[in-house]
All heavy atoms as atom14 arrays in JSON, in Angstrom:
{
  "sequence": "RVDAPMGTTEVGETYRLQLQGLEREIVITDTPGILEAGVAGTEREKLA",
  "atom14_mask": [
    [1, 1, 1, 1, 1, 1, 1, 1, 1, 1, 1, 0, 0, 0],
    [1, 1, 1, 1, 1, 1, 1, 0, 0, 0, 0, 0, 0, 0],
    [1, 1, 1, 1, 1, 1, 1, 1, 0, 0, 0, 0, 0, 0],
    [1, 1, 1, 1, 1, 0, 0, 0, 0, 0, 0, 0, 0, 0],
    [1, 1, 1, 1, 1, 1, 1, 0, 0, 0, 0, 0, 0, 0],
    [1, 1, 1, 1, 1, 1, 1, 1, 0, 0, 0, 0, 0, 0],
    [1, 1, 1, 1, 0, 0, 0, 0, 0, 0, 0, 0, 0, 0],
    [1, 1, 1, 1, 1, 1, 1, 0, 0, 0, 0, 0, 0, 0],
    [1, 1, 1, 1, 1, 1, 1, 0, 0, 0, 0, 0, 0, 0],
    [1, 1, 1, 1, 1, 1, 1, 1, 1, 0, 0, 0, 0, 0],
    [1, 1, 1, 1, 1, 1, 1, 0, 0, 0, 0, 0, 0, 0],
    [1, 1, 1, 1, 0, 0, 0, 0, 0, 0, 0, 0, 0, 0],
    [1, 1, 1, 1, 1, 1, 1, 1, 1, 0, 0, 0, 0, 0],
    [1, 1, 1, 1, 1, 1, 1, 0, 0, 0, 0, 0, 0, 0],
    [1, 1, 1, 1, 1, 1, 1, 1, 1, 1, 1, 1, 0, 0],
    [1, 1, 1, 1, 1, 1, 1, 1, 1, 1, 1, 0, 0, 0],
    [1, 1, 1, 1, 1, 1, 1, 1, 0, 0, 0, 0, 0, 0],
    [1, 1, 1, 1, 1, 1, 1, 1, 1, 0, 0, 0, 0, 0],
    [1, 1, 1, 1, 1, 1, 1, 1, 0, 0, 0, 0, 0, 0],
    [1, 1, 1, 1, 1, 1, 1, 1, 1, 0, 0, 0, 0, 0],
    [1, 1, 1, 1, 0, 0, 0, 0, 0, 0, 0, 0, 0, 0],
    [1, 1, 1, 1, 1, 1, 1, 1, 0, 0, 0, 0, 0, 0],
    [1, 1, 1, 1, 1, 1, 1, 1, 1, 0, 0, 0, 0, 0],
    [1, 1, 1, 1, 1, 1, 1, 1, 1, 1, 1, 0, 0, 0],
    [1, 1, 1, 1, 1, 1, 1, 1, 1, 0, 0, 0, 0, 0],
    [1, 1, 1, 1, 1, 1, 1, 1, 0, 0, 0, 0, 0, 0],
    [1, 1, 1, 1, 1, 1, 1, 0, 0, 0, 0, 0, 0, 0],
    [1, 1, 1, 1, 1, 1, 1, 1, 0, 0, 0, 0, 0, 0],
    [1, 1, 1, 1, 1, 1, 1, 0, 0, 0, 0, 0, 0, 0],
    [1, 1, 1, 1, 1, 1, 1, 1, 0, 0, 0, 0, 0, 0],
    [1, 1, 1, 1, 1, 1, 1, 0, 0, 0, 0, 0, 0, 0],
    [1, 1, 1, 1, 1, 1, 1, 0, 0, 0, 0, 0, 0, 0],
    [1, 1, 1, 1, 0, 0, 0, 0, 0, 0, 0, 0, 0, 0],
    [1, 1, 1, 1, 1, 1, 1, 1, 0, 0, 0, 0, 0, 0],
    [1, 1, 1, 1, 1, 1, 1, 1, 0, 0, 0, 0, 0, 0],
    [1, 1, 1, 1, 1, 1, 1, 1, 1, 0, 0, 0, 0, 0],
    [1, 1, 1, 1, 1, 0, 0, 0, 0, 0, 0, 0, 0, 0],
    [1, 1, 1, 1, 0, 0, 0, 0, 0, 0, 0, 0, 0, 0],
    [1, 1, 1, 1, 1, 1, 1, 0, 0, 0, 0, 0, 0, 0],
    [1, 1, 1, 1, 1, 0, 0, 0, 0, 0, 0, 0, 0, 0],
    [1, 1, 1, 1, 0, 0, 0, 0, 0, 0, 0, 0, 0, 0],
    [1, 1, 1, 1, 1, 1, 1, 0, 0, 0, 0, 0, 0, 0],
    [1, 1, 1, 1, 1, 1, 1, 1, 1, 0, 0, 0, 0, 0],
    [1, 1, 1, 1, 1, 1, 1, 1, 1, 1, 1, 0, 0, 0],
    [1, 1, 1, 1, 1, 1, 1, 1, 1, 0, 0, 0, 0, 0],
    [1, 1, 1, 1, 1, 1, 1, 1, 1, 0, 0, 0, 0, 0],
    [1, 1, 1, 1, 1, 1, 1, 1, 0, 0, 0, 0, 0, 0],
    [1, 1, 1, 1, 1, 0, 0, 0, 0, 0, 0, 0, 0, 0]
  ],
  "atom14_positions": [
    [[0.84, -1.2, 0.0], [0.01, 0.0, -0.02], [0.87, 1.24, 0.01], [1.64, 1.48, 0.93], [-0.9, 0.0, 1.24], [-1.96, -1.11, 1.24], [-2.69, -1.13, 2.54], [-3.31, 0.15, 2.81], [-3.83, 0.5, 4.01], [-3.79, -0.33, 5.04], [-4.39, 1.7, 4.19], [0.0, 0.0, 0.0], [0.0, 0.0, 0.0], [0.0, 0.0, 0.0]],
    [[0.76, 2.03, -1.07], [1.64, 3.26, -1.17], [1.01, 4.39, -0.36], [1.69, 5.37, -0.12], [1.76, 3.66, -2.62], [2.49, 2.62, -3.43], [0.39, 3.98, -3.27], [0.0, 0.0, 0.0], [0.0, 0.0, 0.0], [0.0, 0.0, 0.0], [0.0, 0.0, 0.0], [0.0, 0.0, 0.0], [0.0, 0.0, 0.0], [0.0, 0.0, 0.0]],
    [[-0.21, 4.27, 0.08], [-0.83, 5.34, 0.87], [-0.97, 4.84, 2.31], [-1.88, 5.27, 3.04], [-2.19, 5.73, 0.31], [-3.16, 4.53, 0.26], [-2.63, 3.38, 0.36], [-4.39, 4.78, 0.15], [0.0, 0.0, 0.0], [0.0, 0.0, 0.0], [0.0, 0.0, 0.0], [0.0, 0.0, 0.0], [0.0, 0.0, 0.0], [0.0, 0.0, 0.0]],
    [[-0.02, 4.0, 2.75], [-0.14, 3.38, 4.11], [0.1, 4.42, 5.16], [0.94, 5.3, 5.03], [0.88, 2.26, 4.24], [0.0, 0.0, 0.0], [0.0, 0.0, 0.0], [0.0, 0.0, 0.0], [0.0, 0.0, 0.0], [0.0, 0.0, 0.0], [0.0, 0.0, 0.0], [0.0, 0.0, 0.0], [0.0, 0.0, 0.0], [0.0, 0.0, 0.0]],
    [[-0.68, 4.35, 6.27], [-0.41, 5.18, 7.4], [0.82, 4.74, 8.14], [1.37, 3.68, 7.87], [-1.68, 5.04, 8.28], [-2.12, 3.67, 7.93], [-1.79, 3.46, 6.49], [0.0, 0.0, 0.0], [0.0, 0.0, 0.0], [0.0, 0.0, 0.0], [0.0, 0.0, 0.0], [0.0, 0.0, 0.0], [0.0, 0.0, 0.0], [0.0, 0.0, 0.0]],
    [[1.32, 5.54, 9.12], [2.48, 5.18, 9.84], [2.23, 3.9, 10.63], [1.21, 3.72, 11.26], [2.87, 6.3, 10.84], [3.38, 7.54, 10.15], [3.91, 8.78, 11.33], [5.28, 7.97, 12.09], [0.0, 0.0, 0.0], [0.0, 0.0, 0.0], [0.0, 0.0, 0.0], [0.0, 0.0, 0.0], [0.0, 0.0, 0.0], [0.0, 0.0, 0.0]],
    [[3.24, 2.98, 10.64], [3.17, 1.78, 11.39], [2.57, 0.62, 10.67], [2.27, -0.38, 11.25], [0.0, 0.0, 0.0], [0.0, 0.0, 0.0], [0.0, 0.0, 0.0], [0.0, 0.0, 0.0], [0.0, 0.0, 0.0], [0.0, 0.0, 0.0], [0.0, 0.0, 0.0], [0.0, 0.0, 0.0], [0.0, 0.0, 0.0], [0.0, 0.0, 0.0]],
    [[2.38, 0.71, 9.31], [1.76, -0.42, 8.57], [2.74, -1.57, 8.5], [2.33, -2.71, 8.71], [1.39, 0.1, 7.17], [0.38, 1.09, 7.29], [0.83, -1.1, 6.34], [0.0, 0.0, 0.0], [0.0, 0.0, 0.0], [0.0, 0.0, 0.0], [0.0, 0.0, 0.0], [0.0, 0.0, 0.0], [0.0, 0.0, 0.0], [0.0, 0.0, 0.0]],
    [[3.99, -1.31, 8.11], [4.94, -2.45, 7.95], [5.4, -2.83, 9.36], [6.22, -2.07, 9.99], [6.15, -1.99, 7.1], [5.63, -1.49, 5.88], [7.05, -3.17, 6.86], [0.0, 0.0, 0.0], [0.0, 0.0, 0.0], [0.0, 0.0, 0.0], [0.0, 0.0, 0.0], [0.0, 0.0, 0.0], [0.0, 0.0, 0.0], [0.0, 0.0, 0.0]],
    [[4.98, -3.94, 9.84], [5.32, -4.38, 11.21], [6.39, -5.4, 11.26], [7.06, -5.58, 12.24], [4.04, -4.94, 11.9], [2.95, -3.89, 12.09], [1.78, -4.45, 12.9], [1.78, -5.63, 13.2], [0.81, -3.66, 13.13], [0.0, 0.0, 0.0], [0.0, 0.0, 0.0], [0.0, 0.0, 0.0], [0.0, 0.0, 0.0], [0.0, 0.0, 0.0]],
    [[6.56, -6.13, 10.15], [7.66, -7.12, 10.08], [8.49, -6.85, 8.82], [8.03, -6.14, 7.91], [7.07, -8.59, 10.08], [6.36, -8.89, 11.37], [6.14, -8.78, 8.89], [0.0, 0.0, 0.0], [0.0, 0.0, 0.0], [0.0, 0.0, 0.0], [0.0, 0.0, 0.0], [0.0, 0.0, 0.0], [0.0, 0.0, 0.0], [0.0, 0.0, 0.0]],
    [[9.66, -7.47, 8.72], [10.52, -7.28, 7.58], [10.01, -8.09, 6.4], [10.18, -9.29, 6.33], [0.0, 0.0, 0.0], [0.0, 0.0, 0.0], [0.0, 0.0, 0.0], [0.0, 0.0, 0.0], [0.0, 0.0, 0.0], [0.0, 0.0, 0.0], [0.0, 0.0, 0.0], [0.0, 0.0, 0.0], [0.0, 0.0, 0.0], [0.0, 0.0, 0.0]],
    [[9.33, -7.4, 5.44], [8.84, -8.03, 4.24], [9.91, -8.05, 3.16], [10.61, -7.01, 2.98], [7.59, -7.32, 3.76], [6.5, -7.26, 4.81], [5.27, -6.47, 4.36], [5.26, -6.05, 3.19], [4.39, -6.31, 5.18], [0.0, 0.0, 0.0], [0.0, 0.0, 0.0], [0.0, 0.0, 0.0], [0.0, 0.0, 0.0], [0.0, 0.0, 0.0]],
    [[10.12, -9.15, 2.47], [11.18, -9.29, 1.48], [10.64, -9.46, 0.07], [9.6, -10.09, -0.13], [12.08, -10.49, 1.86], [11.28, -11.67, 1.85], [12.74, -10.28, 3.23], [0.0, 0.0, 0.0], [0.0, 0.0, 0.0], [0.0, 0.0, 0.0], [0.0, 0.0, 0.0], [0.0, 0.0, 0.0], [0.0, 0.0, 0.0], [0.0, 0.0, 0.0]],
    [[11.42, -8.97, -0.88], [11.12, -9.05, -2.27], [12.36, -9.33, -3.05], [13.44, -8.89, -2.64], [10.43, -7.76, -2.81], [9.33, -7.31, -1.89], [9.57, -6.34, -0.91], [8.03, -7.76, -2.0], [8.57, -5.92, -0.03], [7.0, -7.33, -1.17], [7.31, -6.41, -0.21], [6.3, -5.97, 0.67], [0.0, 0.0, 0.0], [0.0, 0.0, 0.0]],
    [[12.24, -10.07, -4.18], [13.42, -10.43, -4.91], [13.49, -9.62, -6.24], [12.52, -9.36, -6.87], [13.41, -11.9, -5.24], [13.49, -12.76, -3.96], [13.56, -14.26, -4.24], [13.66, -14.99, -2.99], [14.78, -15.25, -2.4], [15.94, -14.86, -2.93], [14.81, -15.93, -1.27], [0.0, 0.0, 0.0], [0.0, 0.0, 0.0], [0.0, 0.0, 0.0]],
    [[14.76, -9.36, -6.57], [15.02, -8.55, -7.78], [16.28, -9.03, -8.44], [17.32, -9.25, -7.73], [15.13, -7.01, -7.42], [15.43, -6.05, -8.55], [14.25, -5.99, -9.55], [15.69, -4.67, -7.99], [0.0, 0.0, 0.0], [0.0, 0.0, 0.0], [0.0, 0.0, 0.0], [0.0, 0.0, 0.0], [0.0, 0.0, 0.0], [0.0, 0.0, 0.0]],
    [[16.33, -9.15, -9.76], [17.53, -9.53, -10.5], [18.01, -8.34, -11.28], [17.29, -7.76, -12.09], [17.19, -10.73, -11.46], [18.47, -11.31, -12.08], [19.38, -12.01, -11.04], [18.9, -12.82, -10.31], [20.64, -11.68, -11.1], [0.0, 0.0, 0.0], [0.0, 0.0, 0.0], [0.0, 0.0, 0.0], [0.0, 0.0, 0.0], [0.0, 0.0, 0.0]],
    [[19.26, -8.0, -11.05], [19.88, -6.91, -11.71], [20.84, -7.4, -12.76], [21.69, -8.26, -12.49], [20.62, -5.96, -10.75], [21.21, -4.69, -11.28], [20.06, -3.77, -11.77], [22.0, -3.97, -10.19], [0.0, 0.0, 0.0], [0.0, 0.0, 0.0], [0.0, 0.0, 0.0], [0.0, 0.0, 0.0], [0.0, 0.0, 0.0], [0.0, 0.0, 0.0]],
    [[20.74, -6.92, -13.99], [21.59, -7.36, -15.06], [23.05, -7.17, -14.78], [23.43, -6.06, -14.35], [21.13, -6.7, -16.4], [21.87, -7.25, -17.57], [21.36, -6.59, -18.89], [20.51, -5.73, -18.84], [21.9, -7.06, -20.01], [0.0, 0.0, 0.0], [0.0, 0.0, 0.0], [0.0, 0.0, 0.0], [0.0, 0.0, 0.0], [0.0, 0.0, 0.0]],
    [[23.85, -8.15, -14.98], [25.26, -8.08, -14.72], [25.69, -8.59, -13.35], [26.89, -8.61, -13.05], [0.0, 0.0, 0.0], [0.0, 0.0, 0.0], [0.0, 0.0, 0.0], [0.0, 0.0, 0.0], [0.0, 0.0, 0.0], [0.0, 0.0, 0.0], [0.0, 0.0, 0.0], [0.0, 0.0, 0.0], [0.0, 0.0, 0.0], [0.0, 0.0, 0.0]],
    [[24.74, -9.0, -12.57], [25.08, -9.54, -11.22], [24.65, -11.02, -11.2], [23.6, -11.4, -11.61], [24.24, -8.81, -10.13], [24.71, -7.42, -9.69], [23.83, -6.87, -8.59], [26.15, -7.48, -9.24], [0.0, 0.0, 0.0], [0.0, 0.0, 0.0], [0.0, 0.0, 0.0], [0.0, 0.0, 0.0], [0.0, 0.0, 0.0], [0.0, 0.0, 0.0]],
    [[25.62, -11.84, -10.71], [25.31, -13.28, -10.55], [24.38, -13.52, -9.36], [23.58, -14.42, -9.39], [26.64, -14.03, -10.39], [27.52, -13.99, -11.58], [28.78, -14.82, -11.4], [28.94, -15.38, -10.32], [29.63, -14.85, -12.31], [0.0, 0.0, 0.0], [0.0, 0.0, 0.0], [0.0, 0.0, 0.0], [0.0, 0.0, 0.0], [0.0, 0.0, 0.0]],
    [[24.57, -12.73, -8.31], [23.71, -12.91, -7.11], [22.4, -12.2, -7.28], [22.32, -11.16, -7.86], [24.43, -12.39, -5.86], [25.72, -13.17, -5.51], [26.38, -12.51, -4.3], [27.67, -13.15, -3.95], [27.74, -14.04, -3.01], [26.68, -14.43, -2.36], [28.95, -14.53, -2.72], [0.0, 0.0, 0.0], [0.0, 0.0, 0.0], [0.0, 0.0, 0.0]],
    [[21.37, -12.82, -6.7], [20.02, -12.24, -6.74], [19.96, -11.17, -5.57], [20.53, -11.32, -4.51], [18.98, -13.32, -6.51], [17.57, -12.82, -6.74], [16.54, -13.94, -6.57], [16.8, -14.86, -5.76], [15.52, -13.9, -7.25], [0.0, 0.0, 0.0], [0.0, 0.0, 0.0], [0.0, 0.0, 0.0], [0.0, 0.0, 0.0], [0.0, 0.0, 0.0]],
    [[19.23, -10.09, -5.82], [19.03, -9.08, -4.86], [17.74, -9.35, -4.08], [16.67, -9.55, -4.66], [18.96, -7.72, -5.51], [20.26, -7.4, -6.28], [18.71, -6.6, -4.48], [20.21, -6.13, -7.08], [0.0, 0.0, 0.0], [0.0, 0.0, 0.0], [0.0, 0.0, 0.0], [0.0, 0.0, 0.0], [0.0, 0.0, 0.0], [0.0, 0.0, 0.0]],
    [[17.85, -9.33, -2.75], [16.72, -9.5, -1.87], [16.47, -8.19, -1.18], [17.35, -7.73, -0.42], [16.91, -10.64, -0.84], [15.74, -10.69, 0.14], [17.09, -11.96, -1.57], [0.0, 0.0, 0.0], [0.0, 0.0, 0.0], [0.0, 0.0, 0.0], [0.0, 0.0, 0.0], [0.0, 0.0, 0.0], [0.0, 0.0, 0.0], [0.0, 0.0, 0.0]],
    [[15.34, -7.54, -1.44], [15.0, -6.24, -0.87], [14.16, -6.51, 0.3], [13.11, -7.17, 0.29], [14.32, -5.35, -1.88], [15.27, -5.12, -3.08], [13.95, -4.02, -1.23], [14.69, -4.28, -4.14], [0.0, 0.0, 0.0], [0.0, 0.0, 0.0], [0.0, 0.0, 0.0], [0.0, 0.0, 0.0], [0.0, 0.0, 0.0], [0.0, 0.0, 0.0]],
    [[14.49, -5.91, 1.47], [13.72, -6.05, 2.72], [13.2, -4.71, 3.15], [13.94, -3.77, 3.3], [14.61, -6.65, 3.8], [15.1, -7.92, 3.38], [13.8, -6.87, 5.1], [0.0, 0.0, 0.0], [0.0, 0.0, 0.0], [0.0, 0.0, 0.0], [0.0, 0.0, 0.0], [0.0, 0.0, 0.0], [0.0, 0.0, 0.0], [0.0, 0.0, 0.0]],
    [[11.83, -4.66, 3.3], [11.2, -3.49, 3.83], [11.17, -3.6, 5.36], [10.89, -4.65, 5.9], [9.81, -3.31, 3.28], [9.21, -1.94, 3.57], [9.98, -1.09, 4.05], [7.98, -1.81, 3.29], [0.0, 0.0, 0.0], [0.0, 0.0, 0.0], [0.0, 0.0, 0.0], [0.0, 0.0, 0.0], [0.0, 0.0, 0.0], [0.0, 0.0, 0.0]],
    [[11.4, -2.48, 6.05], [11.46, -2.55, 7.52], [10.37, -1.61, 8.1], [9.94, -0.66, 7.46], [12.8, -2.1, 8.03], [13.08, -0.75, 7.67], [13.9, -3.02, 7.47], [0.0, 0.0, 0.0], [0.0, 0.0, 0.0], [0.0, 0.0, 0.0], [0.0, 0.0, 0.0], [0.0, 0.0, 0.0], [0.0, 0.0, 0.0], [0.0, 0.0, 0.0]],
    [[10.02, -1.84, 9.34], [9.08, -0.89, 9.98], [9.72, 0.43, 10.14], [10.98, 0.58, 10.19], [8.81, -1.57, 11.35], [9.15, -3.0, 11.2], [10.24, -3.04, 10.2], [0.0, 0.0, 0.0], [0.0, 0.0, 0.0], [0.0, 0.0, 0.0], [0.0, 0.0, 0.0], [0.0, 0.0, 0.0], [0.0, 0.0, 0.0], [0.0, 0.0, 0.0]],
    [[8.96, 1.48, 10.25], [9.45, 2.81, 10.34], [10.05, 3.07, 11.74], [9.66, 2.5, 12.75], [0.0, 0.0, 0.0], [0.0, 0.0, 0.0], [0.0, 0.0, 0.0], [0.0, 0.0, 0.0], [0.0, 0.0, 0.0], [0.0, 0.0, 0.0], [0.0, 0.0, 0.0], [0.0, 0.0, 0.0], [0.0, 0.0, 0.0], [0.0, 0.0, 0.0]],
    [[11.06, 3.92, 11.82], [11.71, 4.27, 13.06], [11.09, 5.53, 13.61], [10.32, 6.25, 12.88], [13.23, 4.45, 12.9], [13.54, 5.61, 11.96], [13.83, 3.14, 12.4], [14.98, 5.92, 11.82], [0.0, 0.0, 0.0], [0.0, 0.0, 0.0], [0.0, 0.0, 0.0], [0.0, 0.0, 0.0], [0.0, 0.0, 0.0], [0.0, 0.0, 0.0]],
    [[11.33, 5.85, 14.84], [10.93, 7.06, 15.52], [9.41, 7.15, 15.62], [8.81, 8.22, 15.63], [11.49, 8.32, 14.81], [13.0, 8.34, 14.52], [13.36, 9.61, 13.78], [13.74, 8.23, 15.88], [0.0, 0.0, 0.0], [0.0, 0.0, 0.0], [0.0, 0.0, 0.0], [0.0, 0.0, 0.0], [0.0, 0.0, 0.0], [0.0, 0.0, 0.0]],
    [[8.75, 6.02, 15.79], [7.3, 6.0, 15.97], [7.01, 6.02, 17.47], [7.77, 5.51, 18.3], [6.68, 4.79, 15.35], [6.84, 4.74, 13.85], [6.32, 3.46, 13.19], [5.7, 2.63, 13.96], [6.41, 3.26, 12.02], [0.0, 0.0, 0.0], [0.0, 0.0, 0.0], [0.0, 0.0, 0.0], [0.0, 0.0, 0.0], [0.0, 0.0, 0.0]],
    [[5.88, 6.58, 17.79], [5.51, 6.74, 19.25], [4.95, 5.48, 19.81], [4.45, 4.59, 19.06], [4.47, 7.88, 19.38], [0.0, 0.0, 0.0], [0.0, 0.0, 0.0], [0.0, 0.0, 0.0], [0.0, 0.0, 0.0], [0.0, 0.0, 0.0], [0.0, 0.0, 0.0], [0.0, 0.0, 0.0], [0.0, 0.0, 0.0], [0.0, 0.0, 0.0]],
    [[5.02, 5.36, 21.15], [4.39, 4.26, 21.84], [5.33, 3.05, 21.97], [6.39, 2.98, 21.37], [0.0, 0.0, 0.0], [0.0, 0.0, 0.0], [0.0, 0.0, 0.0], [0.0, 0.0, 0.0], [0.0, 0.0, 0.0], [0.0, 0.0, 0.0], [0.0, 0.0, 0.0], [0.0, 0.0, 0.0], [0.0, 0.0, 0.0], [0.0, 0.0, 0.0]],
    [[4.85, 2.11, 22.81], [5.63, 0.89, 23.05], [5.75, 0.07, 21.76], [6.79, -0.5, 21.45], [4.97, 0.08, 24.2], [5.76, -1.22, 24.37], [4.93, 0.88, 25.49], [0.0, 0.0, 0.0], [0.0, 0.0, 0.0], [0.0, 0.0, 0.0], [0.0, 0.0, 0.0], [0.0, 0.0, 0.0], [0.0, 0.0, 0.0], [0.0, 0.0, 0.0]],
    [[4.62, -0.06, 21.05], [4.64, -0.83, 19.8], [5.61, -0.22, 18.81], [6.37, -0.97, 18.1], [3.25, -0.91, 19.19], [0.0, 0.0, 0.0], [0.0, 0.0, 0.0], [0.0, 0.0, 0.0], [0.0, 0.0, 0.0], [0.0, 0.0, 0.0], [0.0, 0.0, 0.0], [0.0, 0.0, 0.0], [0.0, 0.0, 0.0], [0.0, 0.0, 0.0]],
    [[5.64, 1.14, 18.75], [6.6, 1.76, 17.81], [8.06, 1.52, 18.19], [8.91, 1.3, 17.36], [0.0, 0.0, 0.0], [0.0, 0.0, 0.0], [0.0, 0.0, 0.0], [0.0, 0.0, 0.0], [0.0, 0.0, 0.0], [0.0, 0.0, 0.0], [0.0, 0.0, 0.0], [0.0, 0.0, 0.0], [0.0, 0.0, 0.0], [0.0, 0.0, 0.0]],
    [[8.3, 1.48, 19.5], [9.66, 1.18, 19.98], [10.09, -0.18, 19.6], [11.23, -0.43, 19.18], [9.77, 1.39, 21.48], [9.37, 2.74, 21.81], [11.18, 1.14, 21.99], [0.0, 0.0, 0.0], [0.0, 0.0, 0.0], [0.0, 0.0, 0.0], [0.0, 0.0, 0.0], [0.0, 0.0, 0.0], [0.0, 0.0, 0.0], [0.0, 0.0, 0.0]],
    [[9.16, -1.17, 19.74], [9.5, -2.54, 19.4], [9.72, -2.7, 17.91], [10.63, -3.41, 17.46], [8.37, -3.46, 19.85], [8.18, -3.57, 21.37], [9.48, -4.16, 22.03], [10.06, -5.08, 21.41], [9.85, -3.62, 23.06], [0.0, 0.0, 0.0], [0.0, 0.0, 0.0], [0.0, 0.0, 0.0], [0.0, 0.0, 0.0], [0.0, 0.0, 0.0]],
    [[8.89, -2.0, 17.08], [9.11, -2.09, 15.62], [10.48, -1.44, 15.21], [11.13, -1.94, 14.33], [7.95, -1.36, 14.92], [6.68, -2.18, 14.94], [5.67, -1.57, 13.89], [5.24, -0.21, 14.32], [4.2, 0.06, 15.05], [3.47, -0.92, 15.53], [3.87, 1.32, 15.33], [0.0, 0.0, 0.0], [0.0, 0.0, 0.0], [0.0, 0.0, 0.0]],
    [[10.85, -0.41, 15.92], [12.11, 0.21, 15.62], [13.29, -0.72, 15.97], [14.31, -0.77, 15.26], [12.3, 1.51, 16.39], [13.63, 2.2, 16.1], [13.66, 3.62, 16.69], [12.58, 4.16, 17.03], [14.75, 4.18, 16.78], [0.0, 0.0, 0.0], [0.0, 0.0, 0.0], [0.0, 0.0, 0.0], [0.0, 0.0, 0.0], [0.0, 0.0, 0.0]],
    [[13.19, -1.47, 17.06], [14.21, -2.48, 17.36], [14.38, -3.49, 16.28], [15.49, -3.84, 15.91], [13.87, -3.15, 18.72], [14.06, -2.25, 19.94], [13.7, -3.05, 21.18], [13.86, -2.19, 22.45], [13.53, -2.93, 23.69], [0.0, 0.0, 0.0], [0.0, 0.0, 0.0], [0.0, 0.0, 0.0], [0.0, 0.0, 0.0], [0.0, 0.0, 0.0]],
    [[13.23, -3.95, 15.72], [13.27, -4.9, 14.64], [13.93, -4.25, 13.4], [14.74, -4.9, 12.7], [11.85, -5.38, 14.3], [11.72, -6.24, 13.08], [12.52, -7.53, 13.23], [10.23, -6.57, 12.79], [0.0, 0.0, 0.0], [0.0, 0.0, 0.0], [0.0, 0.0, 0.0], [0.0, 0.0, 0.0], [0.0, 0.0, 0.0], [0.0, 0.0, 0.0]],
    [[13.55, -3.01, 13.11], [14.13, -2.33, 11.94], [15.63, -2.18, 12.08], [16.37, -2.41, 11.1], [13.47, -0.96, 11.78], [0.0, 0.0, 0.0], [0.0, 0.0, 0.0], [0.0, 0.0, 0.0], [0.0, 0.0, 0.0], [0.0, 0.0, 0.0], [0.0, 0.0, 0.0], [0.0, 0.0, 0.0], [0.0, 0.0, 0.0], [0.0, 0.0, 0.0]]
  ]
}
């Protein structure tokens, strides 16, 4: 969701991408946002 509110990404979501000229595959990991308020935000920041 590109219009996601703060705190949507709660776990590290991964996506794969192949870049021409590279033998290794690229794994892109999305992380929860940092500097969010509350206990839940602090825990998500630790994960990030």
